[in-house]
Amino acid sequence: MLDLAALLGRVREKDASAESELHARYRRFVERRLKEARARRNWFWLEETDDAVQEVFLHFFQAVREGKFVFEGEERLEGFLVRTCWFVAMNLKDKVAKTRAVSLFKTDDDEEGGLIVDLPGFAGTASSHALRRECAELFYAAVQALNDARRDVILRTLQGEKVRDIVRATGKTAAAVSGLKFNAMKDLKTALEENGFARDCGAEAFSHE
């Protein structure tokens, strides 16, 4: 663990050899998570993962150098890489010229009793509520505007993590995670109503409360 902290310290100092070592250590982890997400969430635009993997590490190293990532153990580091995978995938998706569809709906097995958690990759999966790029951008902006703790829980939820997974990854109690998730969904619903998403892009997403 100490050598990992030392490596990250060298990355902050723009040590290329440290970046290469971290890349070698976590490349397969990042590649596996991207491929799993592509298969599970139909991220069909990730036909080749090599470029996405490289972009994940570029963002990660930049976050380290800018102090946006602070090392607090390997589990937190891996969690940060997973979230970076999500952002990179969404950025790549936005470069696709075609209109995509988003599905927002309640799932029966949600541990929080019906909060919307299923956004299958923001890709073009079959949905009766097709949303244009503008709607996706409204949704992304609303998520980004959440405070750090709530945004973290929402992003993990969108990645398919259950409460127990978030507890394990963040070190928070189940009650704390559940509270953050509940309040984040309330904030997100309000934001989507205020920015016009609910009106123009699918108010039905929140009709099963």
N, C-alpha and C. Protein backbone atom coordinates (compact mmCIF):
# COMPACT_ATOMS: atom_id res chain seq x y z
N MET A 1 0.83 -1.20 0.00
CA MET A 1 0.00 0.00 0.00
C MET A 1 0.87 1.26 0.00
N LEU A 2 1.98 1.19 0.72
CA LEU A 2 2.86 2.35 0.76
C LEU A 2 3.46 2.63 -0.61
N ASP A 3 3.78 1.55 -1.36
CA ASP A 3 4.37 1.78 -2.67
C ASP A 3 3.35 2.39 -3.61
N LEU A 4 2.06 2.07 -3.43
CA LEU A 4 1.02 2.65 -4.26
C LEU A 4 0.88 4.15 -3.97
N ALA A 5 0.91 4.51 -2.70
CA ALA A 5 0.86 5.92 -2.32
C ALA A 5 2.07 6.66 -2.89
N ALA A 6 3.23 6.00 -2.83
CA ALA A 6 4.45 6.62 -3.36
C ALA A 6 4.35 6.81 -4.88
N LEU A 7 3.78 5.82 -5.56
CA LEU A 7 3.61 5.93 -7.01
C LEU A 7 2.72 7.12 -7.36
N LEU A 8 1.64 7.27 -6.63
CA LEU A 8 0.74 8.38 -6.89
C LEU A 8 1.41 9.72 -6.60
N GLY A 9 2.27 9.73 -5.59
CA GLY A 9 3.03 10.93 -5.32
C GLY A 9 3.93 11.30 -6.48
N ARG A 10 4.51 10.29 -7.10
CA ARG A 10 5.36 10.54 -8.27
C ARG A 10 4.54 10.98 -9.48
N VAL A 11 3.32 10.45 -9.59
CA VAL A 11 2.44 10.89 -10.67
C VAL A 11 2.13 12.38 -10.51
N ARG A 12 1.91 12.82 -9.27
CA ARG A 12 1.66 14.24 -9.03
C ARG A 12 2.83 15.10 -9.50
N GLU A 13 4.02 14.51 -9.46
CA GLU A 13 5.22 15.22 -9.90
C GLU A 13 5.49 15.00 -11.39
N LYS A 14 4.52 14.42 -12.10
CA LYS A 14 4.61 14.19 -13.54
C LYS A 14 5.73 13.22 -13.90
N ASP A 15 5.88 12.20 -13.08
CA ASP A 15 6.88 11.16 -13.33
C ASP A 15 6.29 10.15 -14.31
N ALA A 16 6.81 10.12 -15.54
CA ALA A 16 6.27 9.26 -16.59
C ALA A 16 6.41 7.78 -16.24
N SER A 17 7.49 7.42 -15.57
CA SER A 17 7.69 6.01 -15.23
C SER A 17 6.65 5.54 -14.21
N ALA A 18 6.25 6.43 -13.30
CA ALA A 18 5.21 6.10 -12.33
C ALA A 18 3.87 5.92 -13.03
N GLU A 19 3.60 6.77 -14.00
CA GLU A 19 2.36 6.62 -14.77
C GLU A 19 2.35 5.29 -15.51
N SER A 20 3.48 4.94 -16.08
CA SER A 20 3.57 3.66 -16.81
C SER A 20 3.35 2.48 -15.87
N GLU A 21 3.88 2.57 -14.67
CA GLU A 21 3.74 1.47 -13.72
C GLU A 21 2.30 1.33 -13.25
N LEU A 22 1.64 2.45 -12.98
CA LEU A 22 0.23 2.40 -12.58
C LEU A 22 -0.64 1.91 -13.73
N HIS A 23 -0.33 2.35 -14.92
CA HIS A 23 -1.06 1.90 -16.10
C HIS A 23 -0.96 0.38 -16.24
N ALA A 24 0.24 -0.14 -16.09
CA ALA A 24 0.44 -1.58 -16.21
C ALA A 24 -0.31 -2.34 -15.11
N ARG A 25 -0.35 -1.75 -13.93
CA ARG A 25 -0.98 -2.42 -12.79
C ARG A 25 -2.49 -2.48 -12.92
N TYR A 26 -3.10 -1.43 -13.47
CA TYR A 26 -4.56 -1.33 -13.48
C TYR A 26 -5.20 -1.40 -14.87
N ARG A 27 -4.40 -1.58 -15.89
CA ARG A 27 -4.96 -1.61 -17.24
C ARG A 27 -6.02 -2.71 -17.38
N ARG A 28 -5.70 -3.91 -16.93
CA ARG A 28 -6.64 -5.02 -17.10
C ARG A 28 -7.91 -4.77 -16.29
N PHE A 29 -7.79 -4.14 -15.14
CA PHE A 29 -8.96 -3.81 -14.32
C PHE A 29 -9.88 -2.86 -15.09
N VAL A 30 -9.30 -1.79 -15.65
CA VAL A 30 -10.09 -0.82 -16.40
C VAL A 30 -10.71 -1.45 -17.65
N GLU A 31 -9.90 -2.21 -18.36
CA GLU A 31 -10.38 -2.86 -19.58
C GLU A 31 -11.54 -3.82 -19.27
N ARG A 32 -11.41 -4.56 -18.19
CA ARG A 32 -12.46 -5.51 -17.81
C ARG A 32 -13.76 -4.78 -17.46
N ARG A 33 -13.66 -3.68 -16.72
CA ARG A 33 -14.86 -2.95 -16.34
C ARG A 33 -15.56 -2.33 -17.55
N LEU A 34 -14.80 -1.83 -18.50
CA LEU A 34 -15.39 -1.28 -19.71
C LEU A 34 -16.09 -2.36 -20.53
N LYS A 35 -15.44 -3.51 -20.66
CA LYS A 35 -16.03 -4.60 -21.45
C LYS A 35 -17.28 -5.16 -20.77
N GLU A 36 -17.23 -5.27 -19.44
CA GLU A 36 -18.39 -5.75 -18.72
C GLU A 36 -19.56 -4.78 -18.86
N ALA A 37 -19.27 -3.48 -18.75
CA ALA A 37 -20.32 -2.47 -18.88
C ALA A 37 -20.88 -2.46 -20.29
N ARG A 38 -20.02 -2.63 -21.28
CA ARG A 38 -20.48 -2.66 -22.67
C ARG A 38 -21.46 -3.80 -22.87
N ALA A 39 -21.12 -4.97 -22.34
CA ALA A 39 -21.99 -6.13 -22.52
C ALA A 39 -23.28 -6.00 -21.71
N ARG A 40 -23.16 -5.52 -20.48
CA ARG A 40 -24.32 -5.47 -19.58
C ARG A 40 -25.26 -4.33 -19.93
N ARG A 41 -24.71 -3.19 -20.35
CA ARG A 41 -25.53 -2.00 -20.56
C ARG A 41 -25.67 -1.61 -22.03
N ASN A 42 -25.22 -2.50 -22.90
CA ASN A 42 -25.37 -2.26 -24.34
C ASN A 42 -24.69 -0.96 -24.77
N TRP A 43 -23.49 -0.72 -24.25
CA TRP A 43 -22.70 0.44 -24.70
C TRP A 43 -22.07 0.07 -26.04
N PHE A 44 -22.92 -0.01 -27.06
CA PHE A 44 -22.51 -0.55 -28.35
C PHE A 44 -21.45 0.29 -29.04
N TRP A 45 -21.37 1.58 -28.66
CA TRP A 45 -20.40 2.45 -29.32
C TRP A 45 -18.96 2.15 -28.90
N LEU A 46 -18.78 1.36 -27.83
CA LEU A 46 -17.43 0.97 -27.40
C LEU A 46 -16.99 -0.29 -28.13
N GLU A 47 -16.91 -0.18 -29.44
CA GLU A 47 -16.52 -1.35 -30.23
C GLU A 47 -15.08 -1.75 -29.92
N GLU A 48 -14.23 -0.78 -29.74
CA GLU A 48 -12.85 -1.02 -29.36
C GLU A 48 -12.59 -0.31 -28.03
N THR A 49 -12.03 -1.02 -27.09
CA THR A 49 -11.84 -0.43 -25.76
C THR A 49 -10.47 0.20 -25.56
N ASP A 50 -9.53 -0.04 -26.47
CA ASP A 50 -8.17 0.45 -26.27
C ASP A 50 -8.12 1.96 -26.07
N ASP A 51 -8.80 2.70 -26.96
CA ASP A 51 -8.79 4.16 -26.84
C ASP A 51 -9.46 4.61 -25.55
N ALA A 52 -10.55 3.94 -25.19
CA ALA A 52 -11.26 4.30 -23.96
C ALA A 52 -10.38 4.06 -22.74
N VAL A 53 -9.65 2.96 -22.73
CA VAL A 53 -8.76 2.65 -21.62
C VAL A 53 -7.71 3.75 -21.47
N GLN A 54 -7.12 4.14 -22.59
CA GLN A 54 -6.09 5.18 -22.54
C GLN A 54 -6.67 6.50 -22.02
N GLU A 55 -7.90 6.82 -22.45
CA GLU A 55 -8.52 8.07 -22.02
C GLU A 55 -8.82 8.04 -20.52
N VAL A 56 -9.23 6.88 -20.02
CA VAL A 56 -9.48 6.74 -18.58
C VAL A 56 -8.22 7.09 -17.80
N PHE A 57 -7.09 6.56 -18.23
CA PHE A 57 -5.85 6.82 -17.51
C PHE A 57 -5.41 8.27 -17.66
N LEU A 58 -5.63 8.87 -18.81
CA LEU A 58 -5.29 10.28 -18.98
C LEU A 58 -6.08 11.15 -18.00
N HIS A 59 -7.37 10.86 -17.88
CA HIS A 59 -8.20 11.61 -16.94
C HIS A 59 -7.78 11.35 -15.50
N PHE A 60 -7.45 10.10 -15.22
CA PHE A 60 -7.05 9.73 -13.86
C PHE A 60 -5.76 10.45 -13.46
N PHE A 61 -4.76 10.41 -14.32
CA PHE A 61 -3.49 11.06 -14.01
C PHE A 61 -3.66 12.57 -13.87
N GLN A 62 -4.52 13.14 -14.69
CA GLN A 62 -4.78 14.57 -14.58
C GLN A 62 -5.44 14.89 -13.24
N ALA A 63 -6.38 14.03 -12.82
CA ALA A 63 -7.06 14.24 -11.53
C ALA A 63 -6.07 14.16 -10.38
N VAL A 64 -5.12 13.24 -10.48
CA VAL A 64 -4.10 13.11 -9.44
C VAL A 64 -3.24 14.37 -9.38
N ARG A 65 -2.79 14.82 -10.53
CA ARG A 65 -1.91 16.00 -10.56
C ARG A 65 -2.62 17.26 -10.08
N GLU A 66 -3.93 17.35 -10.34
CA GLU A 66 -4.68 18.55 -9.95
C GLU A 66 -5.26 18.45 -8.55
N GLY A 67 -4.97 17.36 -7.86
CA GLY A 67 -5.45 17.20 -6.49
C GLY A 67 -6.91 16.82 -6.39
N LYS A 68 -7.53 16.42 -7.50
CA LYS A 68 -8.94 16.02 -7.48
C LYS A 68 -9.11 14.59 -6.97
N PHE A 69 -8.03 13.84 -6.98
CA PHE A 69 -8.06 12.50 -6.40
C PHE A 69 -7.01 12.43 -5.29
N VAL A 70 -7.47 12.04 -4.12
CA VAL A 70 -6.58 11.88 -2.97
C VAL A 70 -6.59 10.41 -2.58
N PHE A 71 -5.42 9.82 -2.49
CA PHE A 71 -5.33 8.39 -2.21
C PHE A 71 -5.77 8.08 -0.79
N GLU A 72 -6.77 7.18 -0.69
CA GLU A 72 -7.27 6.74 0.62
C GLU A 72 -7.43 5.22 0.64
N GLY A 73 -6.60 4.55 -0.12
CA GLY A 73 -6.66 3.09 -0.18
C GLY A 73 -6.97 2.61 -1.59
N GLU A 74 -6.61 1.38 -1.85
CA GLU A 74 -6.76 0.84 -3.19
C GLU A 74 -8.22 0.73 -3.61
N GLU A 75 -9.10 0.43 -2.66
CA GLU A 75 -10.51 0.29 -3.00
C GLU A 75 -11.09 1.60 -3.51
N ARG A 76 -10.71 2.70 -2.86
CA ARG A 76 -11.17 4.01 -3.31
C ARG A 76 -10.58 4.34 -4.70
N LEU A 77 -9.33 3.95 -4.89
CA LEU A 77 -8.69 4.20 -6.18
C LEU A 77 -9.44 3.46 -7.29
N GLU A 78 -9.76 2.20 -7.04
CA GLU A 78 -10.49 1.42 -8.05
C GLU A 78 -11.88 2.02 -8.29
N GLY A 79 -12.52 2.50 -7.23
CA GLY A 79 -13.81 3.14 -7.39
C GLY A 79 -13.72 4.38 -8.26
N PHE A 80 -12.65 5.15 -8.07
CA PHE A 80 -12.46 6.35 -8.88
C PHE A 80 -12.24 5.98 -10.33
N LEU A 81 -11.49 4.92 -10.58
CA LEU A 81 -11.28 4.46 -11.96
C LEU A 81 -12.59 4.02 -12.60
N VAL A 82 -13.44 3.35 -11.84
CA VAL A 82 -14.74 2.91 -12.37
C VAL A 82 -15.59 4.12 -12.76
N ARG A 83 -15.62 5.13 -11.89
CA ARG A 83 -16.39 6.33 -12.21
C ARG A 83 -15.81 7.05 -13.43
N THR A 84 -14.48 7.03 -13.55
CA THR A 84 -13.85 7.64 -14.71
C THR A 84 -14.21 6.86 -15.98
N CYS A 85 -14.31 5.55 -15.87
CA CYS A 85 -14.76 4.73 -17.01
C CYS A 85 -16.12 5.20 -17.48
N TRP A 86 -17.00 5.47 -16.53
CA TRP A 86 -18.36 5.89 -16.86
C TRP A 86 -18.34 7.22 -17.61
N PHE A 87 -17.58 8.19 -17.09
CA PHE A 87 -17.50 9.50 -17.74
C PHE A 87 -16.90 9.40 -19.14
N VAL A 88 -15.85 8.60 -19.27
CA VAL A 88 -15.20 8.44 -20.58
C VAL A 88 -16.18 7.81 -21.56
N ALA A 89 -16.89 6.79 -21.12
CA ALA A 89 -17.86 6.13 -22.00
C ALA A 89 -18.94 7.10 -22.45
N MET A 90 -19.43 7.94 -21.51
CA MET A 90 -20.46 8.90 -21.88
C MET A 90 -19.92 9.97 -22.83
N ASN A 91 -18.67 10.39 -22.63
CA ASN A 91 -18.07 11.36 -23.54
C ASN A 91 -17.94 10.78 -24.94
N LEU A 92 -17.53 9.52 -25.02
CA LEU A 92 -17.41 8.87 -26.32
C LEU A 92 -18.77 8.72 -26.97
N LYS A 93 -19.76 8.41 -26.14
CA LYS A 93 -21.11 8.26 -26.66
C LYS A 93 -21.62 9.56 -27.25
N ASP A 94 -21.27 10.69 -26.63
CA ASP A 94 -21.73 11.99 -27.11
C ASP A 94 -21.13 12.35 -28.47
N LYS A 95 -20.05 11.68 -28.83
CA LYS A 95 -19.43 11.96 -30.11
C LYS A 95 -20.13 11.23 -31.26
N VAL A 96 -20.99 10.31 -30.90
CA VAL A 96 -21.74 9.58 -31.92
C VAL A 96 -22.82 10.50 -32.47
N ALA A 97 -22.91 10.60 -33.74
CA ALA A 97 -23.78 11.60 -34.35
C ALA A 97 -25.27 11.25 -34.27
N LYS A 98 -25.57 9.99 -34.16
CA LYS A 98 -26.98 9.59 -34.20
C LYS A 98 -27.69 9.91 -32.90
N THR A 99 -28.99 10.07 -32.97
CA THR A 99 -29.81 10.28 -31.79
C THR A 99 -29.85 9.01 -30.97
N ARG A 100 -29.76 9.17 -29.66
CA ARG A 100 -29.81 8.01 -28.76
C ARG A 100 -31.08 8.06 -27.95
N ALA A 101 -31.42 6.92 -27.35
CA ALA A 101 -32.59 6.86 -26.49
C ALA A 101 -32.17 6.59 -25.07
N VAL A 102 -32.94 7.14 -24.12
CA VAL A 102 -32.67 6.92 -22.71
C VAL A 102 -33.92 6.36 -22.08
N SER A 103 -33.76 5.36 -21.24
CA SER A 103 -34.90 4.79 -20.54
C SER A 103 -34.75 5.04 -19.06
N LEU A 104 -35.74 5.69 -18.47
CA LEU A 104 -35.74 5.96 -17.04
C LEU A 104 -36.97 5.29 -16.46
N PHE A 105 -36.78 4.27 -15.65
CA PHE A 105 -37.95 3.63 -15.09
C PHE A 105 -37.60 2.92 -13.80
N LYS A 106 -38.62 2.63 -13.01
CA LYS A 106 -38.46 1.96 -11.73
C LYS A 106 -38.27 0.47 -11.96
N THR A 107 -37.39 -0.16 -11.19
CA THR A 107 -37.19 -1.59 -11.28
C THR A 107 -37.74 -2.27 -10.04
N ASP A 108 -38.20 -3.49 -10.20
CA ASP A 108 -38.82 -4.21 -9.10
C ASP A 108 -37.84 -4.58 -8.00
N ASP A 109 -36.57 -4.77 -8.36
CA ASP A 109 -35.62 -5.26 -7.38
C ASP A 109 -34.80 -4.15 -6.73
N ASP A 110 -35.20 -2.89 -6.95
CA ASP A 110 -34.45 -1.79 -6.35
C ASP A 110 -34.56 -1.85 -4.83
N GLU A 111 -33.42 -1.79 -4.15
CA GLU A 111 -33.40 -1.93 -2.71
C GLU A 111 -34.01 -0.74 -2.00
N GLU A 112 -34.19 0.38 -2.71
CA GLU A 112 -34.72 1.58 -2.07
C GLU A 112 -36.21 1.75 -2.33
N GLY A 113 -36.87 0.69 -2.79
CA GLY A 113 -38.31 0.72 -2.90
C GLY A 113 -38.84 1.54 -4.06
N GLY A 114 -38.17 1.52 -5.19
CA GLY A 114 -38.75 2.11 -6.37
C GLY A 114 -38.11 3.37 -6.88
N LEU A 115 -36.96 3.77 -6.39
CA LEU A 115 -36.27 4.91 -6.98
C LEU A 115 -35.82 4.52 -8.38
N ILE A 116 -35.81 5.50 -9.29
CA ILE A 116 -35.38 5.16 -10.64
C ILE A 116 -33.88 4.89 -10.60
N VAL A 117 -33.47 3.75 -11.10
CA VAL A 117 -32.05 3.43 -11.08
C VAL A 117 -31.58 2.87 -12.41
N ASP A 118 -32.46 2.56 -13.32
CA ASP A 118 -32.04 1.87 -14.53
C ASP A 118 -31.94 2.83 -15.70
N LEU A 119 -30.72 3.23 -16.02
CA LEU A 119 -30.48 3.99 -17.24
C LEU A 119 -29.51 3.16 -18.05
N PRO A 120 -30.03 2.28 -18.91
CA PRO A 120 -29.19 1.27 -19.56
C PRO A 120 -28.20 1.86 -20.54
N GLY A 121 -27.14 2.40 -19.95
CA GLY A 121 -26.02 2.85 -20.75
C GLY A 121 -26.26 4.13 -21.51
N PHE A 122 -27.40 4.83 -21.30
CA PHE A 122 -27.72 6.00 -22.09
C PHE A 122 -27.52 5.71 -23.57
N ALA A 123 -27.77 4.46 -23.95
CA ALA A 123 -27.58 4.06 -25.34
C ALA A 123 -28.93 3.91 -26.00
N GLY A 124 -28.91 3.42 -27.23
CA GLY A 124 -30.15 3.36 -27.98
C GLY A 124 -30.91 2.09 -27.75
N THR A 125 -31.15 1.70 -26.52
CA THR A 125 -31.95 0.53 -26.25
C THR A 125 -33.41 0.84 -26.51
N ALA A 126 -34.19 -0.23 -26.71
CA ALA A 126 -35.60 -0.04 -27.01
C ALA A 126 -36.28 0.67 -25.86
N SER A 127 -36.98 1.74 -26.14
CA SER A 127 -37.70 2.50 -25.12
C SER A 127 -38.84 3.24 -25.79
N SER A 128 -39.96 3.36 -25.09
CA SER A 128 -41.09 4.09 -25.64
C SER A 128 -40.90 5.58 -25.47
N HIS A 129 -39.87 5.99 -24.75
CA HIS A 129 -39.60 7.41 -24.51
C HIS A 129 -38.23 7.77 -25.11
N ALA A 130 -38.21 7.95 -26.42
CA ALA A 130 -36.95 8.29 -27.08
C ALA A 130 -36.59 9.74 -26.76
N LEU A 131 -35.35 9.93 -26.38
CA LEU A 131 -34.89 11.28 -26.03
C LEU A 131 -33.77 11.69 -26.97
N ARG A 132 -33.84 12.92 -27.41
CA ARG A 132 -32.78 13.45 -28.25
C ARG A 132 -31.58 13.84 -27.39
N ARG A 133 -30.52 14.19 -28.05
CA ARG A 133 -29.28 14.54 -27.36
C ARG A 133 -29.50 15.65 -26.34
N GLU A 134 -30.38 16.60 -26.66
CA GLU A 134 -30.63 17.70 -25.74
C GLU A 134 -31.13 17.20 -24.39
N CYS A 135 -31.97 16.17 -24.43
CA CYS A 135 -32.52 15.62 -23.20
C CYS A 135 -31.43 14.94 -22.38
N ALA A 136 -30.55 14.21 -23.06
CA ALA A 136 -29.45 13.57 -22.36
C ALA A 136 -28.56 14.61 -21.69
N GLU A 137 -28.33 15.73 -22.39
CA GLU A 137 -27.49 16.78 -21.83
C GLU A 137 -28.14 17.41 -20.60
N LEU A 138 -29.46 17.58 -20.64
CA LEU A 138 -30.17 18.10 -19.47
C LEU A 138 -30.01 17.17 -18.28
N PHE A 139 -30.10 15.89 -18.56
CA PHE A 139 -29.97 14.91 -17.47
C PHE A 139 -28.56 14.93 -16.90
N TYR A 140 -27.53 14.91 -17.77
CA TYR A 140 -26.15 14.93 -17.30
C TYR A 140 -25.88 16.16 -16.43
N ALA A 141 -26.41 17.31 -16.88
CA ALA A 141 -26.18 18.56 -16.14
C ALA A 141 -26.81 18.49 -14.76
N ALA A 142 -28.00 17.90 -14.67
CA ALA A 142 -28.68 17.79 -13.37
C ALA A 142 -27.90 16.90 -12.42
N VAL A 143 -27.36 15.81 -12.93
CA VAL A 143 -26.54 14.92 -12.09
C VAL A 143 -25.28 15.64 -11.63
N GLN A 144 -24.65 16.35 -12.55
CA GLN A 144 -23.40 17.04 -12.23
C GLN A 144 -23.60 18.11 -11.17
N ALA A 145 -24.80 18.69 -11.10
CA ALA A 145 -25.06 19.77 -10.17
C ALA A 145 -25.30 19.29 -8.73
N LEU A 146 -25.47 17.99 -8.53
CA LEU A 146 -25.64 17.46 -7.18
C LEU A 146 -24.37 17.70 -6.36
N ASN A 147 -24.51 17.77 -5.03
CA ASN A 147 -23.29 17.91 -4.22
C ASN A 147 -22.46 16.64 -4.32
N ASP A 148 -21.21 16.72 -3.92
CA ASP A 148 -20.27 15.64 -4.17
C ASP A 148 -20.74 14.29 -3.65
N ALA A 149 -21.19 14.25 -2.40
CA ALA A 149 -21.57 12.98 -1.79
C ALA A 149 -22.77 12.37 -2.49
N ARG A 150 -23.77 13.18 -2.79
CA ARG A 150 -24.97 12.67 -3.45
C ARG A 150 -24.68 12.28 -4.89
N ARG A 151 -23.85 13.08 -5.57
CA ARG A 151 -23.49 12.74 -6.94
C ARG A 151 -22.74 11.42 -6.99
N ASP A 152 -21.86 11.19 -6.03
CA ASP A 152 -21.09 9.95 -5.98
C ASP A 152 -22.03 8.75 -5.87
N VAL A 153 -23.02 8.85 -4.98
CA VAL A 153 -23.96 7.75 -4.80
C VAL A 153 -24.79 7.53 -6.06
N ILE A 154 -25.23 8.63 -6.69
CA ILE A 154 -26.03 8.50 -7.91
C ILE A 154 -25.22 7.87 -9.04
N LEU A 155 -23.98 8.31 -9.21
CA LEU A 155 -23.15 7.75 -10.27
C LEU A 155 -22.90 6.26 -10.05
N ARG A 156 -22.67 5.90 -8.80
CA ARG A 156 -22.47 4.48 -8.50
C ARG A 156 -23.75 3.70 -8.77
N THR A 157 -24.90 4.30 -8.45
CA THR A 157 -26.17 3.65 -8.70
C THR A 157 -26.40 3.46 -10.20
N LEU A 158 -26.08 4.48 -10.98
CA LEU A 158 -26.22 4.40 -12.42
C LEU A 158 -25.31 3.34 -13.02
N GLN A 159 -24.21 3.07 -12.33
CA GLN A 159 -23.29 2.02 -12.78
C GLN A 159 -23.79 0.64 -12.38
N GLY A 160 -24.90 0.58 -11.67
CA GLY A 160 -25.47 -0.71 -11.31
C GLY A 160 -25.13 -1.19 -9.92
N GLU A 161 -24.43 -0.36 -9.13
CA GLU A 161 -24.06 -0.77 -7.79
C GLU A 161 -25.27 -0.70 -6.85
N LYS A 162 -25.43 -1.73 -6.03
CA LYS A 162 -26.46 -1.74 -5.01
C LYS A 162 -25.94 -1.04 -3.75
N VAL A 163 -26.84 -0.82 -2.81
CA VAL A 163 -26.44 -0.14 -1.57
C VAL A 163 -25.28 -0.86 -0.91
N ARG A 164 -25.33 -2.18 -0.87
CA ARG A 164 -24.26 -2.94 -0.20
C ARG A 164 -22.91 -2.72 -0.89
N ASP A 165 -22.95 -2.57 -2.23
CA ASP A 165 -21.71 -2.32 -2.97
C ASP A 165 -21.15 -0.94 -2.64
N ILE A 166 -22.05 0.05 -2.56
CA ILE A 166 -21.62 1.42 -2.27
C ILE A 166 -21.07 1.52 -0.85
N VAL A 167 -21.71 0.80 0.07
CA VAL A 167 -21.21 0.76 1.45
C VAL A 167 -19.78 0.23 1.47
N ARG A 168 -19.56 -0.87 0.74
CA ARG A 168 -18.24 -1.49 0.72
C ARG A 168 -17.21 -0.57 0.06
N ALA A 169 -17.62 0.14 -0.98
CA ALA A 169 -16.67 0.98 -1.72
C ALA A 169 -16.35 2.29 -1.01
N THR A 170 -17.32 2.85 -0.30
CA THR A 170 -17.12 4.18 0.28
C THR A 170 -16.81 4.16 1.77
N GLY A 171 -17.12 3.06 2.45
CA GLY A 171 -16.91 3.01 3.89
C GLY A 171 -18.03 3.66 4.69
N LYS A 172 -19.06 4.14 4.00
CA LYS A 172 -20.20 4.73 4.70
C LYS A 172 -21.13 3.62 5.20
N THR A 173 -21.97 3.95 6.16
CA THR A 173 -22.94 2.99 6.66
C THR A 173 -24.06 2.84 5.64
N ALA A 174 -24.80 1.73 5.76
CA ALA A 174 -25.92 1.51 4.86
C ALA A 174 -26.97 2.61 5.03
N ALA A 175 -27.17 3.05 6.28
CA ALA A 175 -28.15 4.11 6.53
C ALA A 175 -27.72 5.41 5.86
N ALA A 176 -26.42 5.71 5.93
CA ALA A 176 -25.91 6.94 5.31
C ALA A 176 -26.06 6.88 3.80
N VAL A 177 -25.72 5.74 3.21
CA VAL A 177 -25.84 5.59 1.76
C VAL A 177 -27.30 5.70 1.32
N SER A 178 -28.19 5.03 2.08
CA SER A 178 -29.61 5.09 1.74
C SER A 178 -30.14 6.51 1.83
N GLY A 179 -29.71 7.24 2.86
CA GLY A 179 -30.13 8.63 3.01
C GLY A 179 -29.62 9.50 1.88
N LEU A 180 -28.36 9.32 1.50
CA LEU A 180 -27.79 10.09 0.40
C LEU A 180 -28.52 9.79 -0.90
N LYS A 181 -28.81 8.51 -1.11
CA LYS A 181 -29.48 8.12 -2.34
C LYS A 181 -30.89 8.70 -2.41
N PHE A 182 -31.61 8.62 -1.31
CA PHE A 182 -32.98 9.15 -1.26
C PHE A 182 -32.99 10.65 -1.54
N ASN A 183 -32.12 11.38 -0.84
CA ASN A 183 -32.08 12.84 -1.01
C ASN A 183 -31.56 13.23 -2.39
N ALA A 184 -30.61 12.44 -2.92
CA ALA A 184 -30.10 12.73 -4.26
C ALA A 184 -31.20 12.57 -5.30
N MET A 185 -32.03 11.55 -5.15
CA MET A 185 -33.11 11.34 -6.11
C MET A 185 -34.14 12.46 -6.02
N LYS A 186 -34.40 12.94 -4.78
CA LYS A 186 -35.32 14.07 -4.63
C LYS A 186 -34.76 15.31 -5.32
N ASP A 187 -33.46 15.58 -5.09
CA ASP A 187 -32.82 16.73 -5.72
C ASP A 187 -32.82 16.60 -7.24
N LEU A 188 -32.55 15.38 -7.70
CA LEU A 188 -32.48 15.14 -9.14
C LEU A 188 -33.85 15.33 -9.77
N LYS A 189 -34.88 14.82 -9.11
CA LYS A 189 -36.24 14.99 -9.63
C LYS A 189 -36.59 16.47 -9.73
N THR A 190 -36.28 17.23 -8.69
CA THR A 190 -36.57 18.67 -8.69
C THR A 190 -35.82 19.37 -9.82
N ALA A 191 -34.54 19.03 -9.97
CA ALA A 191 -33.73 19.66 -11.02
C ALA A 191 -34.26 19.35 -12.40
N LEU A 192 -34.69 18.11 -12.61
CA LEU A 192 -35.19 17.71 -13.92
C LEU A 192 -36.56 18.33 -14.22
N GLU A 193 -37.29 18.61 -13.17
CA GLU A 193 -38.56 19.33 -13.37
C GLU A 193 -38.28 20.80 -13.70
N GLU A 194 -37.29 21.39 -13.03
CA GLU A 194 -36.99 22.80 -13.23
C GLU A 194 -36.32 23.08 -14.58
N ASN A 195 -35.49 22.13 -15.05
CA ASN A 195 -34.77 22.39 -16.30
C ASN A 195 -35.55 21.95 -17.55
N GLY A 196 -36.77 21.46 -17.33
CA GLY A 196 -37.62 21.11 -18.46
C GLY A 196 -37.53 19.67 -18.91
N PHE A 197 -36.63 18.90 -18.32
CA PHE A 197 -36.48 17.50 -18.71
C PHE A 197 -37.77 16.73 -18.50
N ALA A 198 -38.34 16.86 -17.29
CA ALA A 198 -39.55 16.10 -16.97
C ALA A 198 -40.70 16.45 -17.90
N ARG A 199 -40.77 17.74 -18.28
CA ARG A 199 -41.85 18.20 -19.15
C ARG A 199 -41.66 17.74 -20.59
N ASP A 200 -40.42 17.85 -21.09
CA ASP A 200 -40.17 17.64 -22.51
C ASP A 200 -39.60 16.28 -22.85
N CYS A 201 -39.05 15.60 -21.86
CA CYS A 201 -38.29 14.39 -22.17
C CYS A 201 -38.83 13.13 -21.50
N GLY A 202 -39.86 13.23 -20.71
CA GLY A 202 -40.39 12.01 -20.13
C GLY A 202 -40.77 12.12 -18.69
N ALA A 203 -41.83 12.83 -18.38
CA ALA A 203 -42.29 12.96 -17.00
C ALA A 203 -42.69 11.61 -16.45
N GLU A 204 -42.98 10.66 -17.35
CA GLU A 204 -43.40 9.34 -16.90
C GLU A 204 -42.34 8.66 -16.07
N ALA A 205 -41.10 9.11 -16.20
CA ALA A 205 -40.01 8.50 -15.45
C ALA A 205 -40.23 8.61 -13.95
N PHE A 206 -41.01 9.61 -13.52
CA PHE A 206 -41.21 9.85 -12.09
C PHE A 206 -42.66 9.64 -11.66
N SER A 207 -43.41 8.88 -12.44
CA SER A 207 -44.85 8.79 -12.19
C SER A 207 -45.23 7.64 -11.27
N HIS A 208 -44.25 6.86 -10.79
CA HIS A 208 -44.55 5.67 -9.99
C HIS A 208 -44.06 5.81 -8.58
N GLU A 209 -44.38 6.90 -7.92
CA GLU A 209 -43.85 7.16 -6.58
C GLU A 209 -44.72 6.53 -5.52
